[in-house]
N, C-alpha and C. Protein backbone atom coordinates (compact mmCIF):
# COMPACT_ATOMS: atom_id res chain seq x y z
N MET A 1 48.98 32.37 -46.76
CA MET A 1 48.45 33.60 -46.23
C MET A 1 49.46 33.99 -45.28
N ASP A 2 50.10 35.07 -45.26
CA ASP A 2 50.88 35.55 -44.15
C ASP A 2 50.19 36.17 -43.05
N THR A 3 50.08 35.72 -41.80
CA THR A 3 49.44 36.29 -40.77
C THR A 3 50.28 37.13 -39.80
N ASN A 4 51.53 37.20 -40.18
CA ASN A 4 52.49 37.84 -39.16
C ASN A 4 52.28 39.42 -39.44
N ILE A 5 52.09 40.08 -38.43
CA ILE A 5 52.22 41.64 -38.42
C ILE A 5 53.22 42.10 -37.47
N SER A 6 54.00 42.85 -37.97
CA SER A 6 55.22 43.48 -37.19
C SER A 6 54.70 44.20 -36.10
N ALA A 7 55.57 44.54 -34.93
CA ALA A 7 55.23 45.11 -33.93
C ALA A 7 54.74 46.58 -34.35
N ALA A 8 55.66 47.01 -35.18
CA ALA A 8 55.51 48.39 -35.84
C ALA A 8 54.13 48.53 -36.56
N GLY A 9 53.63 47.44 -37.27
CA GLY A 9 52.44 47.51 -37.93
C GLY A 9 51.22 47.56 -36.79
N LEU A 10 51.64 46.87 -35.80
CA LEU A 10 50.34 46.80 -34.65
C LEU A 10 50.31 48.15 -34.01
N ARG A 11 51.51 48.69 -33.93
CA ARG A 11 51.51 50.05 -33.25
C ARG A 11 50.95 51.16 -34.04
N ARG A 12 50.95 50.88 -35.48
CA ARG A 12 50.34 51.84 -36.45
C ARG A 12 48.76 51.74 -36.13
N TRP A 13 48.39 50.53 -36.30
CA TRP A 13 46.95 50.13 -36.19
C TRP A 13 46.52 50.73 -34.88
N ALA A 14 46.96 50.46 -33.68
CA ALA A 14 46.73 51.07 -32.37
C ALA A 14 46.73 52.61 -32.57
N ALA A 15 47.55 53.26 -33.21
CA ALA A 15 47.44 54.48 -33.50
C ALA A 15 45.99 55.09 -34.14
N GLN A 16 45.85 54.40 -35.14
CA GLN A 16 44.63 54.49 -35.74
C GLN A 16 43.39 54.62 -35.20
N CYS A 17 43.41 53.52 -34.15
CA CYS A 17 42.17 53.28 -33.28
C CYS A 17 42.21 54.55 -32.30
N ASP A 18 43.36 55.03 -31.80
CA ASP A 18 43.38 56.27 -31.02
C ASP A 18 42.87 57.41 -31.76
N ALA A 19 43.37 57.57 -33.05
CA ALA A 19 42.85 58.81 -33.55
C ALA A 19 41.31 58.83 -34.15
N ARG A 20 40.91 57.63 -34.24
CA ARG A 20 39.38 57.59 -34.58
C ARG A 20 38.59 57.80 -33.14
N ALA A 21 39.29 57.28 -32.08
CA ALA A 21 38.48 57.47 -30.77
C ALA A 21 38.36 58.78 -30.53
N GLN A 22 39.34 59.52 -30.64
CA GLN A 22 39.43 61.09 -30.41
C GLN A 22 38.54 61.89 -31.30
N ASP A 23 38.02 61.23 -32.32
CA ASP A 23 37.12 61.94 -33.23
C ASP A 23 35.84 62.38 -32.49
N PRO A 24 35.45 63.81 -32.51
CA PRO A 24 34.37 64.08 -31.71
C PRO A 24 32.97 63.50 -32.16
N MET A 25 32.90 62.64 -33.31
CA MET A 25 31.87 62.20 -33.75
C MET A 25 31.77 60.55 -33.21
N THR A 26 32.72 60.25 -32.37
CA THR A 26 32.75 58.82 -31.82
C THR A 26 31.96 58.91 -30.64
N THR A 27 30.94 57.86 -30.62
CA THR A 27 30.08 57.77 -29.62
C THR A 27 30.85 57.15 -28.27
N GLY A 28 30.09 57.04 -27.14
CA GLY A 28 30.62 56.37 -26.03
C GLY A 28 31.02 54.88 -26.27
N PRO A 29 30.05 54.00 -26.61
CA PRO A 29 30.37 52.82 -26.60
C PRO A 29 31.38 52.34 -27.71
N GLU A 30 31.43 53.18 -28.95
CA GLU A 30 32.50 53.00 -29.86
C GLU A 30 33.87 53.60 -29.39
N TYR A 31 33.94 54.35 -28.73
CA TYR A 31 35.10 54.93 -28.00
C TYR A 31 35.77 53.92 -26.98
N GLU A 32 34.76 53.31 -26.30
CA GLU A 32 35.32 52.30 -25.43
C GLU A 32 35.95 51.05 -26.22
N ARG A 33 35.27 50.52 -27.15
CA ARG A 33 35.70 49.53 -28.01
C ARG A 33 37.01 49.83 -28.87
N LEU A 34 37.11 51.12 -29.26
CA LEU A 34 38.20 51.41 -29.85
C LEU A 34 39.61 51.56 -28.97
N MET A 35 39.41 52.05 -27.89
CA MET A 35 40.35 52.27 -26.81
C MET A 35 40.63 50.78 -26.33
N THR A 36 39.83 49.87 -26.23
CA THR A 36 40.07 48.39 -25.96
C THR A 36 41.00 47.91 -26.94
N MET A 37 40.60 48.17 -28.29
CA MET A 37 41.30 47.51 -29.40
C MET A 37 42.80 48.24 -29.31
N LYS A 38 42.94 49.26 -29.09
CA LYS A 38 44.13 50.15 -29.02
C LYS A 38 45.06 49.39 -27.92
N ASN A 39 44.56 49.34 -26.70
CA ASN A 39 45.26 48.77 -25.62
C ASN A 39 45.72 47.22 -25.98
N ALA A 40 44.89 46.44 -26.54
CA ALA A 40 45.10 44.93 -26.97
C ALA A 40 46.31 45.17 -28.04
N LEU A 41 46.00 45.94 -28.99
CA LEU A 41 47.30 46.08 -30.23
C LEU A 41 48.58 46.34 -29.46
N LEU A 42 48.71 47.34 -28.61
CA LEU A 42 49.70 47.62 -27.98
C LEU A 42 50.40 46.45 -27.33
N ASP A 43 49.63 45.76 -26.47
CA ASP A 43 50.03 44.61 -25.90
C ASP A 43 50.64 43.48 -26.91
N LEU A 44 50.01 43.33 -28.01
CA LEU A 44 50.42 42.29 -28.88
C LEU A 44 51.64 42.83 -29.63
N ALA A 45 51.80 44.01 -29.67
CA ALA A 45 52.90 44.66 -30.41
C ALA A 45 54.17 44.27 -29.29
N ALA A 46 53.99 44.69 -28.12
CA ALA A 46 55.01 44.35 -26.95
C ALA A 46 55.28 42.78 -27.10
N THR A 47 54.47 41.79 -27.26
CA THR A 47 54.50 40.48 -27.34
C THR A 47 55.17 40.16 -28.47
N GLN A 48 54.88 40.72 -29.56
CA GLN A 48 55.61 40.55 -30.94
C GLN A 48 57.12 40.93 -30.71
N GLU A 49 57.58 42.02 -30.14
CA GLU A 49 58.85 42.54 -29.81
C GLU A 49 59.43 41.40 -29.00
N TRP A 50 58.85 40.96 -28.05
CA TRP A 50 59.37 39.86 -27.09
C TRP A 50 59.84 38.65 -28.06
N LEU A 51 58.84 38.31 -28.73
CA LEU A 51 59.08 36.84 -29.48
C LEU A 51 60.24 37.25 -30.55
N ASP A 52 60.25 38.39 -30.99
CA ASP A 52 61.42 38.76 -31.89
C ASP A 52 62.79 38.77 -31.17
N GLY A 53 62.73 38.68 -29.85
CA GLY A 53 63.98 38.88 -29.08
C GLY A 53 64.34 40.09 -28.84
N GLN A 54 63.40 41.20 -29.13
CA GLN A 54 63.81 42.62 -28.91
C GLN A 54 63.80 43.24 -27.56
N LYS A 55 62.73 42.61 -26.87
CA LYS A 55 62.46 43.22 -25.41
C LYS A 55 61.94 42.23 -24.53
N PRO A 56 62.31 42.31 -23.28
CA PRO A 56 61.79 41.40 -22.15
C PRO A 56 60.34 41.37 -22.22
N PRO A 57 59.67 40.46 -21.69
CA PRO A 57 58.12 40.45 -21.62
C PRO A 57 57.80 41.36 -20.65
N LEU A 58 56.53 41.67 -20.59
CA LEU A 58 55.77 42.75 -19.97
C LEU A 58 55.51 42.09 -18.57
N ASP A 59 55.60 42.89 -17.46
CA ASP A 59 55.55 42.28 -16.11
C ASP A 59 54.23 43.10 -15.58
N ARG A 60 53.19 42.13 -15.76
CA ARG A 60 51.81 42.70 -15.34
C ARG A 60 51.46 42.69 -14.02
N ALA A 61 52.45 41.96 -13.26
CA ALA A 61 52.00 41.81 -11.66
C ALA A 61 52.53 43.19 -10.91
N GLY A 62 53.24 43.87 -11.39
CA GLY A 62 53.65 45.09 -10.63
C GLY A 62 53.12 46.36 -11.33
């Protein structure tokens, strides 16, 4: 089983979370969960790009 997801795939998944969070039928707790997932997926995409040698790692200190 291939568990590798490309940075682009992670970004698409994050965009889907964002779109669903913006749905007027999305409740407060679900909105928060979707936004947490979106942010985590974007962080994973940045890390995957770094692992692939495309970009330097994120600097969370500043």
